[in-house]
Structures are given as C-alpha cells and as structure tokens.
Amino acid sequence: MHDFSRIAHDLKKRGVGVRVLLQGIDTSASGPVGELTMNLLASFAEFETAIRRERQMEGIARAKSRGVYKGGKRKVNPDDVLRLEADGLGASAIARQLGCGRATVYRALSATT
C-alpha cells in the first residue's frame, strides 16, 4: 500500500492520471472518486495478501506439528563437498563440479565445522 501511494502521488505530481478501462476507474477525469476507488482496491489487495500469509503460516505450523514440514530437499551431499575440499578444490571449483552455487558449498562447509 505504501509503494502504491508513493507511485500514485508521484504520478499525480507529474500530472498523470490512471485509467482502468475494464473497471471504469479514471483518476484524471473523476478526480477524488477515482482516487478513492484506486485506494480502496489497493487496500483490499493488501488485506488479501495479509489473509493469505496468515493462512500459509497456519498451514506450515500444522505441518510442522505433524512432522511433515522439514524444508526443501538437499541439493548437494555435504560429504561430497568435504571430499572435494579435502582434494584441494576451492569453493568455486566445488560448486562448478557439483552444479550448485558457492553459497551452498559454504553452507555445507560451515555446517560441518
């Protein structure tokens, strides 16, 4: 909502109006009515996002309580990272060889120390 308000304010300052043809909204012609309608739509969108996030967090909490939610599957075996490091390879070379990012390599190395 904050970003929408900032963008709408910047556009208004430049003399730009917003028209949503399918909804019949026009901030330049109808003035305050159009602005009110746009603000209401933005508020409803923000509300929907908050409700969706709340439901998602409730679902995750239920899954964790059942032991189902454990995060994503590992993309790289930490033992492979350690073996390649012991062979003298650096993080970039290990990442290239295992097909992952350097951050994944560093995480695997820090988890074992």
N, C-alpha and C. Protein backbone atom coordinates (compact mmCIF):
# COMPACT_ATOMS: atom_id res chain seq x y z
N MET A 1 0.83 -1.19 0.00
CA MET A 1 0.00 0.00 0.00
C MET A 1 0.88 1.25 0.00
N HIS A 2 1.99 1.20 0.76
CA HIS A 2 2.89 2.35 0.83
C HIS A 2 3.47 2.65 -0.56
N ASP A 3 3.94 1.60 -1.26
CA ASP A 3 4.50 1.80 -2.59
C ASP A 3 3.45 2.35 -3.55
N PHE A 4 2.24 1.80 -3.48
CA PHE A 4 1.17 2.28 -4.35
C PHE A 4 0.90 3.76 -4.10
N SER A 5 0.83 4.16 -2.83
CA SER A 5 0.57 5.56 -2.50
C SER A 5 1.68 6.47 -3.03
N ARG A 6 2.91 6.02 -2.88
CA ARG A 6 4.05 6.81 -3.35
C ARG A 6 4.01 6.98 -4.86
N ILE A 7 3.75 5.88 -5.56
CA ILE A 7 3.68 5.93 -7.02
C ILE A 7 2.52 6.81 -7.48
N ALA A 8 1.36 6.65 -6.86
CA ALA A 8 0.20 7.46 -7.22
C ALA A 8 0.48 8.94 -6.98
N HIS A 9 1.13 9.26 -5.86
CA HIS A 9 1.46 10.64 -5.55
C HIS A 9 2.44 11.21 -6.59
N ASP A 10 3.47 10.42 -6.94
CA ASP A 10 4.45 10.87 -7.95
C ASP A 10 3.78 11.11 -9.30
N LEU A 11 2.88 10.22 -9.69
CA LEU A 11 2.18 10.39 -10.96
C LEU A 11 1.30 11.63 -10.94
N LYS A 12 0.59 11.83 -9.84
CA LYS A 12 -0.29 13.00 -9.73
C LYS A 12 0.51 14.29 -9.81
N LYS A 13 1.69 14.28 -9.16
CA LYS A 13 2.56 15.45 -9.18
C LYS A 13 3.01 15.78 -10.61
N ARG A 14 3.17 14.77 -11.43
CA ARG A 14 3.57 14.96 -12.83
C ARG A 14 2.39 15.25 -13.75
N GLY A 15 1.18 15.22 -13.18
CA GLY A 15 0.00 15.49 -13.99
C GLY A 15 -0.49 14.28 -14.76
N VAL A 16 -0.12 13.10 -14.30
CA VAL A 16 -0.51 11.85 -14.97
C VAL A 16 -1.70 11.24 -14.24
N GLY A 17 -2.72 10.86 -14.99
CA GLY A 17 -3.87 10.18 -14.41
C GLY A 17 -3.82 8.69 -14.74
N VAL A 18 -4.57 7.91 -14.00
CA VAL A 18 -4.63 6.46 -14.21
C VAL A 18 -6.05 6.10 -14.64
N ARG A 19 -6.14 5.33 -15.74
CA ARG A 19 -7.44 4.85 -16.19
C ARG A 19 -7.42 3.34 -16.26
N VAL A 20 -8.38 2.72 -15.62
CA VAL A 20 -8.56 1.27 -15.70
C VAL A 20 -9.85 1.07 -16.48
N LEU A 21 -9.71 0.76 -17.76
CA LEU A 21 -10.86 0.74 -18.65
C LEU A 21 -11.91 -0.28 -18.26
N LEU A 22 -11.48 -1.49 -17.90
CA LEU A 22 -12.45 -2.54 -17.59
C LEU A 22 -13.23 -2.25 -16.30
N GLN A 23 -12.64 -1.47 -15.40
CA GLN A 23 -13.29 -1.17 -14.12
C GLN A 23 -13.97 0.19 -14.13
N GLY A 24 -13.74 0.98 -15.16
CA GLY A 24 -14.34 2.31 -15.21
C GLY A 24 -13.73 3.28 -14.22
N ILE A 25 -12.46 3.09 -13.90
CA ILE A 25 -11.78 3.96 -12.94
C ILE A 25 -10.93 4.95 -13.73
N ASP A 26 -11.03 6.22 -13.37
CA ASP A 26 -10.25 7.26 -14.04
C ASP A 26 -9.89 8.32 -13.02
N THR A 27 -8.62 8.38 -12.62
CA THR A 27 -8.21 9.34 -11.60
C THR A 27 -8.08 10.74 -12.15
N SER A 28 -7.97 10.87 -13.48
CA SER A 28 -7.81 12.21 -14.04
C SER A 28 -9.16 12.88 -14.26
N ALA A 29 -10.17 12.13 -14.71
CA ALA A 29 -11.47 12.73 -15.02
C ALA A 29 -12.36 12.83 -13.80
N SER A 30 -12.42 11.76 -13.00
CA SER A 30 -13.34 11.77 -11.87
C SER A 30 -12.70 12.30 -10.60
N GLY A 31 -11.43 12.61 -10.64
CA GLY A 31 -10.74 13.24 -9.51
C GLY A 31 -10.79 12.41 -8.25
N PRO A 32 -11.37 12.97 -7.18
CA PRO A 32 -11.35 12.30 -5.88
C PRO A 32 -12.04 10.94 -5.88
N VAL A 33 -13.09 10.78 -6.70
CA VAL A 33 -13.80 9.50 -6.74
C VAL A 33 -12.88 8.41 -7.30
N GLY A 34 -12.16 8.74 -8.36
CA GLY A 34 -11.22 7.78 -8.95
C GLY A 34 -10.10 7.43 -8.00
N GLU A 35 -9.58 8.44 -7.29
CA GLU A 35 -8.51 8.20 -6.32
C GLU A 35 -9.01 7.34 -5.17
N LEU A 36 -10.21 7.61 -4.70
CA LEU A 36 -10.79 6.81 -3.63
C LEU A 36 -10.93 5.35 -4.07
N THR A 37 -11.43 5.15 -5.28
CA THR A 37 -11.61 3.79 -5.80
C THR A 37 -10.27 3.06 -5.90
N MET A 38 -9.25 3.74 -6.41
CA MET A 38 -7.92 3.12 -6.51
C MET A 38 -7.38 2.78 -5.13
N ASN A 39 -7.55 3.67 -4.17
CA ASN A 39 -7.07 3.41 -2.81
C ASN A 39 -7.82 2.26 -2.16
N LEU A 40 -9.12 2.17 -2.41
CA LEU A 40 -9.90 1.05 -1.87
C LEU A 40 -9.42 -0.27 -2.47
N LEU A 41 -9.19 -0.30 -3.77
CA LEU A 41 -8.71 -1.53 -4.41
C LEU A 41 -7.34 -1.93 -3.87
N ALA A 42 -6.47 -0.94 -3.67
CA ALA A 42 -5.15 -1.24 -3.12
C ALA A 42 -5.27 -1.76 -1.68
N SER A 43 -6.20 -1.20 -0.90
CA SER A 43 -6.40 -1.66 0.47
C SER A 43 -6.92 -3.10 0.51
N PHE A 44 -7.87 -3.41 -0.39
CA PHE A 44 -8.38 -4.78 -0.46
C PHE A 44 -7.28 -5.75 -0.87
N ALA A 45 -6.42 -5.35 -1.78
CA ALA A 45 -5.32 -6.22 -2.21
C ALA A 45 -4.36 -6.47 -1.05
N GLU A 46 -4.07 -5.43 -0.28
CA GLU A 46 -3.18 -5.59 0.88
C GLU A 46 -3.82 -6.50 1.93
N PHE A 47 -5.12 -6.35 2.13
CA PHE A 47 -5.84 -7.19 3.07
C PHE A 47 -5.79 -8.66 2.64
N GLU A 48 -6.04 -8.90 1.36
CA GLU A 48 -5.99 -10.27 0.83
C GLU A 48 -4.61 -10.89 1.01
N THR A 49 -3.57 -10.10 0.78
CA THR A 49 -2.20 -10.60 0.95
C THR A 49 -1.95 -10.98 2.40
N ALA A 50 -2.43 -10.16 3.33
CA ALA A 50 -2.25 -10.45 4.76
C ALA A 50 -3.00 -11.71 5.16
N ILE A 51 -4.22 -11.88 4.66
CA ILE A 51 -5.01 -13.08 4.97
C ILE A 51 -4.33 -14.32 4.40
N ARG A 52 -3.84 -14.22 3.16
CA ARG A 52 -3.17 -15.35 2.52
C ARG A 52 -1.92 -15.73 3.31
N ARG A 53 -1.14 -14.74 3.74
CA ARG A 53 0.08 -15.01 4.52
C ARG A 53 -0.27 -15.68 5.84
N GLU A 54 -1.35 -15.21 6.49
CA GLU A 54 -1.78 -15.79 7.76
C GLU A 54 -2.17 -17.26 7.58
N ARG A 55 -2.93 -17.54 6.55
CA ARG A 55 -3.34 -18.93 6.28
C ARG A 55 -2.13 -19.81 5.97
N GLN A 56 -1.19 -19.25 5.23
CA GLN A 56 0.01 -20.02 4.89
C GLN A 56 0.80 -20.37 6.15
N MET A 57 0.96 -19.39 7.05
CA MET A 57 1.69 -19.64 8.29
C MET A 57 0.98 -20.67 9.17
N GLU A 58 -0.36 -20.62 9.19
CA GLU A 58 -1.12 -21.62 9.95
C GLU A 58 -0.91 -23.01 9.37
N GLY A 59 -0.92 -23.12 8.05
CA GLY A 59 -0.70 -24.41 7.39
C GLY A 59 0.69 -24.95 7.67
N ILE A 60 1.67 -24.08 7.63
CA ILE A 60 3.05 -24.51 7.91
C ILE A 60 3.17 -24.97 9.36
N ALA A 61 2.54 -24.25 10.28
CA ALA A 61 2.59 -24.65 11.70
C ALA A 61 1.94 -26.02 11.90
N ARG A 62 0.81 -26.26 11.23
CA ARG A 62 0.15 -27.58 11.34
C ARG A 62 1.04 -28.67 10.76
N ALA A 63 1.66 -28.39 9.63
CA ALA A 63 2.53 -29.39 9.00
C ALA A 63 3.73 -29.69 9.89
N LYS A 64 4.31 -28.65 10.50
CA LYS A 64 5.45 -28.87 11.39
C LYS A 64 5.06 -29.69 12.61
N SER A 65 3.85 -29.45 13.14
CA SER A 65 3.41 -30.21 14.31
C SER A 65 3.21 -31.68 13.98
N ARG A 66 2.88 -31.98 12.73
CA ARG A 66 2.74 -33.38 12.29
C ARG A 66 4.07 -33.97 11.83
N GLY A 67 5.12 -33.14 11.78
CA GLY A 67 6.43 -33.62 11.36
C GLY A 67 6.56 -33.76 9.85
N VAL A 68 5.68 -33.11 9.10
CA VAL A 68 5.69 -33.22 7.65
C VAL A 68 6.55 -32.15 7.01
N TYR A 69 6.58 -30.98 7.59
CA TYR A 69 7.27 -29.83 7.02
C TYR A 69 8.69 -29.78 7.55
N LYS A 70 9.63 -30.07 6.68
CA LYS A 70 11.02 -30.10 7.13
C LYS A 70 11.92 -29.29 6.21
N GLY A 71 11.34 -28.43 5.39
CA GLY A 71 12.14 -27.65 4.46
C GLY A 71 12.37 -28.41 3.17
N GLY A 72 13.15 -27.81 2.30
CA GLY A 72 13.42 -28.42 1.00
C GLY A 72 14.43 -29.55 1.08
N LYS A 73 14.48 -30.33 0.01
CA LYS A 73 15.44 -31.42 -0.05
C LYS A 73 16.82 -30.86 -0.32
N ARG A 74 17.82 -31.51 0.22
CA ARG A 74 19.20 -31.08 -0.02
C ARG A 74 19.56 -31.29 -1.48
N LYS A 75 20.20 -30.30 -2.04
CA LYS A 75 20.60 -30.38 -3.44
C LYS A 75 22.01 -30.97 -3.58
N VAL A 76 22.77 -30.88 -2.49
CA VAL A 76 24.15 -31.34 -2.52
C VAL A 76 24.43 -32.15 -1.26
N ASN A 77 25.13 -33.23 -1.42
CA ASN A 77 25.53 -34.06 -0.29
C ASN A 77 26.73 -33.39 0.39
N PRO A 78 26.62 -33.04 1.67
CA PRO A 78 27.73 -32.38 2.36
C PRO A 78 29.01 -33.21 2.36
N ASP A 79 28.89 -34.53 2.34
CA ASP A 79 30.08 -35.39 2.29
C ASP A 79 30.85 -35.18 1.00
N ASP A 80 30.13 -34.96 -0.12
CA ASP A 80 30.79 -34.69 -1.40
C ASP A 80 31.57 -33.39 -1.34
N VAL A 81 30.98 -32.38 -0.68
CA VAL A 81 31.66 -31.09 -0.54
C VAL A 81 32.94 -31.27 0.26
N LEU A 82 32.85 -31.99 1.37
CA LEU A 82 34.04 -32.20 2.21
C LEU A 82 35.12 -32.99 1.49
N ARG A 83 34.70 -34.00 0.73
CA ARG A 83 35.66 -34.82 -0.02
C ARG A 83 36.40 -33.95 -1.04
N LEU A 84 35.66 -33.12 -1.78
CA LEU A 84 36.28 -32.27 -2.80
C LEU A 84 37.17 -31.21 -2.16
N GLU A 85 36.78 -30.70 -1.00
CA GLU A 85 37.63 -29.73 -0.31
C GLU A 85 38.92 -30.40 0.15
N ALA A 86 38.80 -31.64 0.63
CA ALA A 86 39.99 -32.38 1.06
C ALA A 86 40.92 -32.66 -0.11
N ASP A 87 40.34 -32.74 -1.32
CA ASP A 87 41.16 -32.94 -2.53
C ASP A 87 41.86 -31.65 -2.95
N GLY A 88 41.58 -30.54 -2.25
CA GLY A 88 42.26 -29.28 -2.53
C GLY A 88 41.48 -28.32 -3.42
N LEU A 89 40.23 -28.63 -3.72
CA LEU A 89 39.45 -27.73 -4.56
C LEU A 89 38.89 -26.58 -3.73
N GLY A 90 38.78 -25.41 -4.36
CA GLY A 90 38.18 -24.25 -3.72
C GLY A 90 36.66 -24.27 -3.88
N ALA A 91 36.02 -23.31 -3.26
CA ALA A 91 34.55 -23.27 -3.26
C ALA A 91 33.98 -23.14 -4.67
N SER A 92 34.58 -22.31 -5.51
CA SER A 92 34.08 -22.12 -6.87
C SER A 92 34.19 -23.41 -7.68
N ALA A 93 35.31 -24.09 -7.55
CA ALA A 93 35.52 -25.34 -8.29
C ALA A 93 34.56 -26.43 -7.79
N ILE A 94 34.36 -26.48 -6.49
CA ILE A 94 33.42 -27.46 -5.93
C ILE A 94 32.02 -27.18 -6.44
N ALA A 95 31.62 -25.91 -6.42
CA ALA A 95 30.29 -25.54 -6.89
C ALA A 95 30.10 -25.90 -8.36
N ARG A 96 31.11 -25.64 -9.16
CA ARG A 96 31.03 -25.98 -10.59
C ARG A 96 30.89 -27.48 -10.78
N GLN A 97 31.67 -28.23 -10.05
CA GLN A 97 31.66 -29.68 -10.21
C GLN A 97 30.34 -30.30 -9.74
N LEU A 98 29.77 -29.75 -8.66
CA LEU A 98 28.53 -30.32 -8.12
C LEU A 98 27.27 -29.68 -8.71
N GLY A 99 27.47 -28.62 -9.50
CA GLY A 99 26.32 -27.97 -10.14
C GLY A 99 25.46 -27.18 -9.16
N CYS A 100 26.11 -26.48 -8.26
CA CYS A 100 25.38 -25.68 -7.27
C CYS A 100 26.07 -24.33 -7.15
N GLY A 101 25.57 -23.48 -6.29
CA GLY A 101 26.17 -22.18 -6.05
C GLY A 101 27.21 -22.25 -4.96
N ARG A 102 28.08 -21.24 -4.95
CA ARG A 102 29.12 -21.19 -3.92
C ARG A 102 28.53 -21.09 -2.53
N ALA A 103 27.40 -20.37 -2.41
CA ALA A 103 26.77 -20.23 -1.09
C ALA A 103 26.38 -21.60 -0.54
N THR A 104 25.93 -22.50 -1.41
CA THR A 104 25.58 -23.86 -0.98
C THR A 104 26.82 -24.57 -0.45
N VAL A 105 27.94 -24.39 -1.13
CA VAL A 105 29.20 -25.00 -0.71
C VAL A 105 29.61 -24.45 0.66
N TYR A 106 29.55 -23.13 0.81
CA TYR A 106 29.93 -22.52 2.08
C TYR A 106 29.02 -22.97 3.21
N ARG A 107 27.72 -23.12 2.92
CA ARG A 107 26.79 -23.60 3.96
C ARG A 107 27.15 -25.02 4.38
N ALA A 108 27.46 -25.87 3.41
CA ALA A 108 27.81 -27.25 3.72
C ALA A 108 29.10 -27.30 4.54
N LEU A 109 30.06 -26.45 4.20
CA LEU A 109 31.32 -26.43 4.94
C LEU A 109 31.13 -25.89 6.36
N SER A 110 30.32 -24.87 6.52
CA SER A 110 30.12 -24.30 7.86
C SER A 110 29.28 -25.22 8.74
N ALA A 111 28.43 -26.04 8.14
CA ALA A 111 27.59 -26.95 8.93
C ALA A 111 28.42 -28.09 9.52
N THR A 112 29.56 -28.36 8.92
CA THR A 112 30.37 -29.50 9.38
C THR A 112 31.48 -29.07 10.34
N THR A 113 31.65 -27.74 10.51
CA THR A 113 32.72 -27.31 11.42
C THR A 113 32.18 -26.88 12.75
